[in-house]
C-alpha atoms as a PDB file:
ATOM      1  CA  UNK A   1       0.644 -30.874  12.716  1.00  0.00           C
ATOM      2  CA  UNK A   2       3.603 -28.539  12.080  1.00  0.00           C
ATOM      3  CA  UNK A   3       3.006 -24.844  11.520  1.00  0.00           C
ATOM      4  CA  UNK A   4       3.321 -23.367   8.058  1.00  0.00           C
ATOM      5  CA  UNK A   5       6.046 -20.836   7.402  1.00  0.00           C
ATOM      6  CA  UNK A   6       3.379 -18.141   7.055  1.00  0.00           C
ATOM      7  CA  UNK A   7       1.960 -19.049  10.468  1.00  0.00           C
ATOM      8  CA  UNK A   8       5.446 -18.686  11.968  1.00  0.00           C
ATOM      9  CA  UNK A   9       5.677 -15.294  10.247  1.00  0.00           C
ATOM     10  CA  UNK A  10       2.304 -14.280  11.648  1.00  0.00           C
ATOM     11  CA  UNK A  11       3.429 -15.247  15.167  1.00  0.00           C
ATOM     12  CA  UNK A  12       6.640 -13.245  14.812  1.00  0.00           C
ATOM     13  CA  UNK A  13       5.010 -10.116  13.428  1.00  0.00           C
ATOM     14  CA  UNK A  14       2.168 -10.344  15.981  1.00  0.00           C
ATOM     15  CA  UNK A  15       4.647 -10.399  18.856  1.00  0.00           C
ATOM     16  CA  UNK A  16       6.428  -7.305  17.549  1.00  0.00           C
ATOM     17  CA  UNK A  17       4.901  -3.914  18.298  1.00  0.00           C
ATOM     18  CA  UNK A  18       6.645  -2.332  15.312  1.00  0.00           C
ATOM     19  CA  UNK A  19       6.939  -3.350  11.663  1.00  0.00           C
ATOM     20  CA  UNK A  20       9.646  -5.964  11.138  1.00  0.00           C
ATOM     21  CA  UNK A  21      12.492  -6.356   8.700  1.00  0.00           C
ATOM     22  CA  UNK A  22      12.062  -9.287   6.310  1.00  0.00           C
ATOM     23  CA  UNK A  23      15.491 -10.748   7.087  1.00  0.00           C
ATOM     24  CA  UNK A  24      14.806 -10.740  10.827  1.00  0.00           C
ATOM     25  CA  UNK A  25      11.450 -12.408  10.225  1.00  0.00           C
ATOM     26  CA  UNK A  26      13.008 -15.011   7.916  1.00  0.00           C
ATOM     27  CA  UNK A  27      15.750 -15.823  10.447  1.00  0.00           C
ATOM     28  CA  UNK A  28      13.068 -16.413  13.101  1.00  0.00           C
ATOM     29  CA  UNK A  29      11.060 -18.640  10.746  1.00  0.00           C
ATOM     30  CA  UNK A  30      14.123 -20.712   9.796  1.00  0.00           C
ATOM     31  CA  UNK A  31      14.893 -21.242  13.458  1.00  0.00           C
ATOM     32  CA  UNK A  32      11.301 -22.103  14.451  1.00  0.00           C
ATOM     33  CA  UNK A  33      10.749 -24.445  11.509  1.00  0.00           C
ATOM     34  CA  UNK A  34      14.144 -26.095  12.020  1.00  0.00           C
ATOM     35  CA  UNK A  35      15.253 -25.540   8.422  1.00  0.00           C
ATOM     36  CA  UNK A  36      18.836 -26.196   7.420  1.00  0.00           C
ATOM     37  CA  UNK A  37      20.668 -23.583   5.342  1.00  0.00           C
ATOM     38  CA  UNK A  38      20.116 -25.358   2.002  1.00  0.00           C
ATOM     39  CA  UNK A  39      16.396 -25.880   2.587  1.00  0.00           C
ATOM     40  CA  UNK A  40      16.004 -22.286   3.763  1.00  0.00           C
ATOM     41  CA  UNK A  41      17.759 -21.019   0.630  1.00  0.00           C
ATOM     42  CA  UNK A  42      15.441 -23.117  -1.538  1.00  0.00           C
ATOM     43  CA  UNK A  43      12.293 -21.916   0.235  1.00  0.00           C
ATOM     44  CA  UNK A  44      12.905 -18.198   0.739  1.00  0.00           C
ATOM     45  CA  UNK A  45      11.681 -17.027  -2.672  1.00  0.00           C
ATOM     46  CA  UNK A  46       8.484 -19.063  -2.508  1.00  0.00           C
ATOM     47  CA  UNK A  47       7.900 -17.863   1.041  1.00  0.00           C
ATOM     48  CA  UNK A  48       8.366 -14.232  -0.034  1.00  0.00           C
ATOM     49  CA  UNK A  49       5.832 -14.695  -2.834  1.00  0.00           C
ATOM     50  CA  UNK A  50       3.359 -16.305  -0.438  1.00  0.00           C
ATOM     51  CA  UNK A  51       3.909 -13.499   2.049  1.00  0.00           C
ATOM     52  CA  UNK A  52       3.078 -10.937  -0.638  1.00  0.00           C
ATOM     53  CA  UNK A  53      -0.129 -12.805  -1.478  1.00  0.00           C
ATOM     54  CA  UNK A  54      -1.256 -13.430   2.096  1.00  0.00           C
ATOM     55  CA  UNK A  55      -3.859 -10.830   3.030  1.00  0.00           C
ATOM     56  CA  UNK A  56      -2.771 -10.729   6.664  1.00  0.00           C
ATOM     57  CA  UNK A  57       0.520  -9.022   5.818  1.00  0.00           C
ATOM     58  CA  UNK A  58       1.448  -5.754   4.160  1.00  0.00           C
ATOM     59  CA  UNK A  59       4.771  -4.411   2.989  1.00  0.00           C
ATOM     60  CA  UNK A  60       5.608  -0.890   4.091  1.00  0.00           C
ATOM     61  CA  UNK A  61       8.569  -0.413   1.797  1.00  0.00           C
ATOM     62  CA  UNK A  62      12.267  -0.800   2.564  1.00  0.00           C
ATOM     63  CA  UNK A  63      11.611  -4.528   3.030  1.00  0.00           C
ATOM     64  CA  UNK A  64       9.608  -4.005   6.228  1.00  0.00           C
ATOM     65  CA  UNK A  65       6.402  -5.865   6.955  1.00  0.00           C
ATOM     66  CA  UNK A  66       3.507  -5.533   9.339  1.00  0.00           C
ATOM     67  CA  UNK A  67       0.051  -6.937   9.866  1.00  0.00           C
ATOM     68  CA  UNK A  68      -2.528  -5.344   7.625  1.00  0.00           C
ATOM     69  CA  UNK A  69      -4.913  -4.944  10.549  1.00  0.00           C
ATOM     70  CA  UNK A  70      -2.470  -2.561  12.256  1.00  0.00           C
ATOM     71  CA  UNK A  71      -2.126  -0.240   9.283  1.00  0.00           C
ATOM     72  CA  UNK A  72      -4.562   2.398   8.110  1.00  0.00           C
ATOM     73  CA  UNK A  73      -5.964   2.139   4.633  1.00  0.00           C
ATOM     74  CA  UNK A  74      -4.270   5.387   3.588  1.00  0.00           C
ATOM     75  CA  UNK A  75      -0.837   4.078   4.542  1.00  0.00           C
ATOM     76  CA  UNK A  76      -1.026   0.852   2.536  1.00  0.00           C
ATOM     77  CA  UNK A  77      -3.373   1.790  -0.294  1.00  0.00           C
ATOM     78  CA  UNK A  78      -1.858   2.297  -3.732  1.00  0.00           C
ATOM     79  CA  UNK A  79      -3.852   4.643  -5.927  1.00  0.00           C
ATOM     80  CA  UNK A  80      -4.023   2.921  -9.289  1.00  0.00           C
ATOM     81  CA  UNK A  81      -4.349   6.282 -11.020  1.00  0.00           C
ATOM     82  CA  UNK A  82      -0.778   7.030  -9.952  1.00  0.00           C
ATOM     83  CA  UNK A  83       0.437   3.669 -11.216  1.00  0.00           C
ATOM     84  CA  UNK A  84      -1.230   4.033 -14.599  1.00  0.00           C
ATOM     85  CA  UNK A  85      -0.247   7.678 -15.049  1.00  0.00           C
ATOM     86  CA  UNK A  86       3.418   6.707 -14.556  1.00  0.00           C
ATOM     87  CA  UNK A  87       3.066   4.015 -17.191  1.00  0.00           C
ATOM     88  CA  UNK A  88       1.384   6.465 -19.559  1.00  0.00           C
ATOM     89  CA  UNK A  89       4.200   8.983 -19.080  1.00  0.00           C
ATOM     90  CA  UNK A  90       6.802   6.320 -19.820  1.00  0.00           C
ATOM     91  CA  UNK A  91       4.895   5.241 -22.925  1.00  0.00           C
ATOM     92  CA  UNK A  92       4.631   8.856 -24.091  1.00  0.00           C
ATOM     93  CA  UNK A  93       8.375   9.340 -23.873  1.00  0.00           C
ATOM     94  CA  UNK A  94       8.932   6.004 -25.570  1.00  0.00           C
ATOM     95  CA  UNK A  95       6.499   6.994 -28.320  1.00  0.00           C
ATOM     96  CA  UNK A  96       8.381  10.217 -29.045  1.00  0.00           C
ATOM     97  CA  UNK A  97      11.696   8.343 -29.099  1.00  0.00           C
ATOM     98  CA  UNK A  98      10.229   5.749 -31.446  1.00  0.00           C
ATOM     99  CA  UNK A  99       8.842   8.466 -33.715  1.00  0.00           C
ATOM    100  CA  UNK A 100      12.255  10.139 -33.910  1.00  0.00           C
ATOM    101  CA  UNK A 101      13.929   6.828 -34.722  1.00  0.00           C
ATOM    102  CA  UNK A 102      11.276   6.127 -37.347  1.00  0.00           C
ATOM    103  CA  UNK A 103      11.916   9.518 -38.980  1.00  0.00           C
ATOM    104  CA  UNK A 104      15.644   8.827 -39.147  1.00  0.00           C
ATOM    105  CA  UNK A 105      14.985   5.369 -40.571  1.00  0.00           C
ATOM    106  CA  UNK A 106      12.641   6.687 -43.242  1.00  0.00           C
ATOM    107  CA  UNK A 107      15.018   9.529 -44.076  1.00  0.00           C
ATOM    108  CA  UNK A 108      17.788   7.033 -44.805  1.00  0.00           C
ATOM    109  CA  UNK A 109      15.523   5.212 -47.247  1.00  0.00           C
ATOM    110  CA  UNK A 110      14.389   8.440 -48.874  1.00  0.00           C
ATOM    111  CA  UNK A 111      18.020   9.405 -49.500  1.00  0.00           C
ATOM    112  CA  UNK A 112      18.721   5.968 -50.954  1.00  0.00           C
ATOM    113  CA  UNK A 113      15.591   6.195 -53.049  1.00  0.00           C
ATOM    114  CA  UNK A 114      16.610   9.616 -54.426  1.00  0.00           C
ATOM    115  CA  UNK A 115      20.013   8.248 -55.414  1.00  0.00           C
ATOM    116  CA  UNK A 116      18.401   5.254 -57.127  1.00  0.00           C
ATOM    117  CA  UNK A 117      16.020   7.560 -59.022  1.00  0.00           C
ATOM    118  CA  UNK A 118      18.966   9.590 -60.305  1.00  0.00           C
ATOM    119  CA  UNK A 119      20.748   6.414 -61.418  1.00  0.00           C
ATOM    120  CA  UNK A 120      17.583   5.187 -63.169  1.00  0.00           C
ATOM    121  CA  UNK A 121      17.273   8.483 -65.020  1.00  0.00           C
ATOM    122  CA  UNK A 122      20.916   8.331 -66.117  1.00  0.00           C
ATOM    123  CA  UNK A 123      20.420   4.790 -67.384  1.00  0.00           C
ATOM    124  CA  UNK A 124      17.303   5.825 -69.333  1.00  0.00           C
ATOM    125  CA  UNK A 125      19.199   8.682 -70.910  1.00  0.00           C
ATOM    126  CA  UNK A 126      22.030   6.351 -71.898  1.00  0.00           C
ATOM    127  CA  UNK A 127      19.541   3.852 -73.355  1.00  0.00           C
ATOM    128  CA  UNK A 128      17.837   6.597 -75.342  1.00  0.00           C
ATOM    129  CA  UNK A 129      21.179   7.748 -76.726  1.00  0.00           C
ATOM    130  CA  UNK A 130      21.997   4.236 -77.941  1.00  0.00           C
END
């Protein structure tokens, strides 16, 4: 039975003593699996997704990968408080921008409304005179 692409990746990363670059790993996998250029191009995105989901691997940033078992928890752990606080900060700035835009929008209608009120009053006065 042929090896899966992830098993080829595991072999490659296991043999390396240092984290590996994704492109180097992918080139090795293409060679080991005997993929032609078109097939490799069609499979690379699915492979990358599977690599991200496979618990044996961890990304270290800058498109480098290593085995999770070699990395300390502190190095690969993402504190969700940091993730959510960044989102909250972005939403806060968006909220203030939206509020400012809303004020400008309402102001335009208030000005239009004031003009219409003046016109209505003039028409009433003309009607009363007739």
